[in-house]
Amino acid sequence: MENWLLIFGMLAITFTTRYSLFAFPDLRFPELVRQGLHYVPTAVLTAIVVPGMLLPDGQHLALSLDNAYLLAGLVTIGIAALTRNLLATIAGGLLVFFLLRWLFGQLPL
């Protein structure tokens, strides 16, 4: 029963926050809030990706040179900074990641 209460609570909060933008179309955020919202996608993506890079098994911190997730993530950040091209970043990151996994003998083939 607790799980259902949690699910319906999250549903109510999500619906309320999203519906409020349609219910009050003249609602304008202050400039400081709009500037803060500009950084939300970067913060969310960082919160999703960094734990996967640093904790590839989900439990132990892996700051070693045989961590393909960490090395490929750092190379991908470099590609993104140099090219500013989303497709090059994704393709280059995946290529480096799978090459590192192959070199380290970590591919389940």
C-alpha atoms as a PDB file:
ATOM      1  CA  MET A   1       0.000   0.000   0.000  1.00  0.00           C
ATOM      2  CA  GLU A   2       2.898   2.363   0.738  1.00  0.00           C
ATOM      3  CA  ASN A   3       4.186   1.982  -2.820  1.00  0.00           C
ATOM      4  CA  TRP A   4       0.827   2.988  -4.268  1.00  0.00           C
ATOM      5  CA  LEU A   5       0.660   6.042  -2.019  1.00  0.00           C
ATOM      6  CA  LEU A   6       4.127   7.019  -3.161  1.00  0.00           C
ATOM      7  CA  ILE A   7       3.219   6.535  -6.821  1.00  0.00           C
ATOM      8  CA  PHE A   8       0.004   8.544  -6.551  1.00  0.00           C
ATOM      9  CA  GLY A   9       1.813  11.260  -4.581  1.00  0.00           C
ATOM     10  CA  MET A  10       4.440  11.581  -7.314  1.00  0.00           C
ATOM     11  CA  LEU A  11       1.664  11.593  -9.921  1.00  0.00           C
ATOM     12  CA  ALA A  12      -0.156  14.412  -8.125  1.00  0.00           C
ATOM     13  CA  ILE A  13       2.975  16.534  -7.756  1.00  0.00           C
ATOM     14  CA  THR A  14       4.051  16.003 -11.364  1.00  0.00           C
ATOM     15  CA  PHE A  15       0.577  16.717 -12.718  1.00  0.00           C
ATOM     16  CA  THR A  16       0.197  19.852 -10.580  1.00  0.00           C
ATOM     17  CA  THR A  17       3.525  21.350 -11.594  1.00  0.00           C
ATOM     18  CA  ARG A  18       2.997  20.664 -15.292  1.00  0.00           C
ATOM     19  CA  TYR A  19      -0.670  21.644 -15.371  1.00  0.00           C
ATOM     20  CA  SER A  20       0.008  24.924 -13.588  1.00  0.00           C
ATOM     21  CA  LEU A  21       1.887  26.201 -16.641  1.00  0.00           C
ATOM     22  CA  PHE A  22      -1.225  25.621 -18.776  1.00  0.00           C
ATOM     23  CA  ALA A  23      -3.721  26.806 -16.162  1.00  0.00           C
ATOM     24  CA  PHE A  24      -1.895  30.110 -15.683  1.00  0.00           C
ATOM     25  CA  PRO A  25      -0.563  31.067 -19.144  1.00  0.00           C
ATOM     26  CA  ASP A  26       0.304  34.615 -18.034  1.00  0.00           C
ATOM     27  CA  LEU A  27       2.623  33.315 -15.316  1.00  0.00           C
ATOM     28  CA  ARG A  28       6.088  34.857 -15.678  1.00  0.00           C
ATOM     29  CA  PHE A  29       9.111  33.764 -13.699  1.00  0.00           C
ATOM     30  CA  PRO A  30      11.523  36.310 -12.251  1.00  0.00           C
ATOM     31  CA  GLU A  31      14.795  36.728 -14.136  1.00  0.00           C
ATOM     32  CA  LEU A  32      16.787  34.967 -11.408  1.00  0.00           C
ATOM     33  CA  VAL A  33      14.537  31.872 -11.640  1.00  0.00           C
ATOM     34  CA  ARG A  34      14.806  31.813 -15.433  1.00  0.00           C
ATOM     35  CA  GLN A  35      18.595  32.018 -15.204  1.00  0.00           C
ATOM     36  CA  GLY A  36      18.593  29.142 -12.715  1.00  0.00           C
ATOM     37  CA  LEU A  37      16.337  27.015 -14.918  1.00  0.00           C
ATOM     38  CA  HIS A  38      18.881  27.391 -17.703  1.00  0.00           C
ATOM     39  CA  TYR A  39      21.242  25.071 -15.767  1.00  0.00           C
ATOM     40  CA  VAL A  40      18.698  22.344 -14.960  1.00  0.00           C
ATOM     41  CA  PRO A  41      19.394  20.088 -18.000  1.00  0.00           C
ATOM     42  CA  THR A  42      23.141  20.158 -17.335  1.00  0.00           C
ATOM     43  CA  ALA A  43      22.668  19.384 -13.650  1.00  0.00           C
ATOM     44  CA  VAL A  44      20.249  16.523 -14.326  1.00  0.00           C
ATOM     45  CA  LEU A  45      22.462  14.965 -17.002  1.00  0.00           C
ATOM     46  CA  THR A  46      25.484  15.240 -14.712  1.00  0.00           C
ATOM     47  CA  ALA A  47      23.564  13.580 -11.864  1.00  0.00           C
ATOM     48  CA  ILE A  48      22.686  10.680 -14.163  1.00  0.00           C
ATOM     49  CA  VAL A  49      26.040  10.182 -15.917  1.00  0.00           C
ATOM     50  CA  VAL A  50      28.704  10.785 -13.243  1.00  0.00           C
ATOM     51  CA  PRO A  51      27.645   7.950 -10.900  1.00  0.00           C
ATOM     52  CA  GLY A  52      27.810   5.566 -13.851  1.00  0.00           C
ATOM     53  CA  MET A  53      31.317   6.733 -14.680  1.00  0.00           C
ATOM     54  CA  LEU A  54      32.636   6.555 -11.129  1.00  0.00           C
ATOM     55  CA  LEU A  55      30.680   3.507  -9.898  1.00  0.00           C
ATOM     56  CA  PRO A  56      30.448   1.175 -12.915  1.00  0.00           C
ATOM     57  CA  ASP A  57      29.404  -1.795 -10.777  1.00  0.00           C
ATOM     58  CA  GLY A  58      27.016   0.333  -8.739  1.00  0.00           C
ATOM     59  CA  GLN A  59      28.813  -0.183  -5.425  1.00  0.00           C
ATOM     60  CA  HIS A  60      32.549   0.482  -5.542  1.00  0.00           C
ATOM     61  CA  LEU A  61      34.353   3.670  -6.542  1.00  0.00           C
ATOM     62  CA  ALA A  62      36.574   2.896  -9.557  1.00  0.00           C
ATOM     63  CA  LEU A  63      39.194   5.604 -10.139  1.00  0.00           C
ATOM     64  CA  SER A  64      41.623   3.379 -12.008  1.00  0.00           C
ATOM     65  CA  LEU A  65      42.988   3.284 -15.534  1.00  0.00           C
ATOM     66  CA  ASP A  66      41.038   0.122 -16.350  1.00  0.00           C
ATOM     67  CA  ASN A  67      37.676   1.861 -15.856  1.00  0.00           C
ATOM     68  CA  ALA A  68      36.441   2.196 -19.446  1.00  0.00           C
ATOM     69  CA  TYR A  69      33.394   4.165 -18.288  1.00  0.00           C
ATOM     70  CA  LEU A  70      35.507   6.871 -16.662  1.00  0.00           C
ATOM     71  CA  LEU A  71      38.091   7.103 -19.445  1.00  0.00           C
ATOM     72  CA  ALA A  72      35.491   7.172 -22.208  1.00  0.00           C
ATOM     73  CA  GLY A  73      33.483   9.767 -20.287  1.00  0.00           C
ATOM     74  CA  LEU A  74      36.508  12.036 -19.982  1.00  0.00           C
ATOM     75  CA  VAL A  75      37.333  11.634 -23.675  1.00  0.00           C
ATOM     76  CA  THR A  76      33.699  12.363 -24.534  1.00  0.00           C
ATOM     77  CA  ILE A  77      33.807  15.566 -22.497  1.00  0.00           C
ATOM     78  CA  GLY A  78      36.912  16.550 -24.459  1.00  0.00           C
ATOM     79  CA  ILE A  79      35.235  15.795 -27.791  1.00  0.00           C
ATOM     80  CA  ALA A  80      32.212  17.865 -26.782  1.00  0.00           C
ATOM     81  CA  ALA A  81      34.394  20.789 -25.720  1.00  0.00           C
ATOM     82  CA  LEU A  82      36.442  20.728 -28.923  1.00  0.00           C
ATOM     83  CA  THR A  83      33.775  20.079 -31.543  1.00  0.00           C
ATOM     84  CA  ARG A  84      30.551  21.460 -30.004  1.00  0.00           C
ATOM     85  CA  ASN A  85      28.818  18.886 -32.216  1.00  0.00           C
ATOM     86  CA  LEU A  86      26.282  16.541 -30.624  1.00  0.00           C
ATOM     87  CA  LEU A  87      26.609  13.790 -33.232  1.00  0.00           C
ATOM     88  CA  ALA A  88      30.425  13.834 -33.063  1.00  0.00           C
ATOM     89  CA  THR A  89      30.257  13.713 -29.273  1.00  0.00           C
ATOM     90  CA  ILE A  90      27.907  10.719 -29.203  1.00  0.00           C
ATOM     91  CA  ALA A  91      29.696   8.800 -31.969  1.00  0.00           C
ATOM     92  CA  GLY A  92      33.170   9.544 -30.621  1.00  0.00           C
ATOM     93  CA  GLY A  93      32.191   8.667 -27.059  1.00  0.00           C
ATOM     94  CA  LEU A  94      30.634   5.362 -28.063  1.00  0.00           C
ATOM     95  CA  LEU A  95      33.576   4.489 -30.284  1.00  0.00           C
ATOM     96  CA  VAL A  96      36.098   5.215 -27.521  1.00  0.00           C
ATOM     97  CA  PHE A  97      33.987   3.367 -24.937  1.00  0.00           C
ATOM     98  CA  PHE A  98      33.689   0.175 -26.996  1.00  0.00           C
ATOM     99  CA  LEU A  99      37.349   0.309 -28.049  1.00  0.00           C
ATOM    100  CA  LEU A 100      38.405   0.603 -24.408  1.00  0.00           C
ATOM    101  CA  ARG A 101      36.096  -2.230 -23.370  1.00  0.00           C
ATOM    102  CA  TRP A 102      37.552  -4.368 -26.171  1.00  0.00           C
ATOM    103  CA  LEU A 103      41.143  -3.473 -25.209  1.00  0.00           C
ATOM    104  CA  PHE A 104      40.488  -4.251 -21.546  1.00  0.00           C
ATOM    105  CA  GLY A 105      38.777  -7.544 -22.446  1.00  0.00           C
ATOM    106  CA  GLN A 106      35.507  -6.423 -20.854  1.00  0.00           C
ATOM    107  CA  LEU A 107      33.174  -7.021 -23.795  1.00  0.00           C
ATOM    108  CA  PRO A 108      30.814  -9.942 -23.161  1.00  0.00           C
ATOM    109  CA  LEU A 109      31.341 -11.615 -26.549  1.00  0.00           C
END
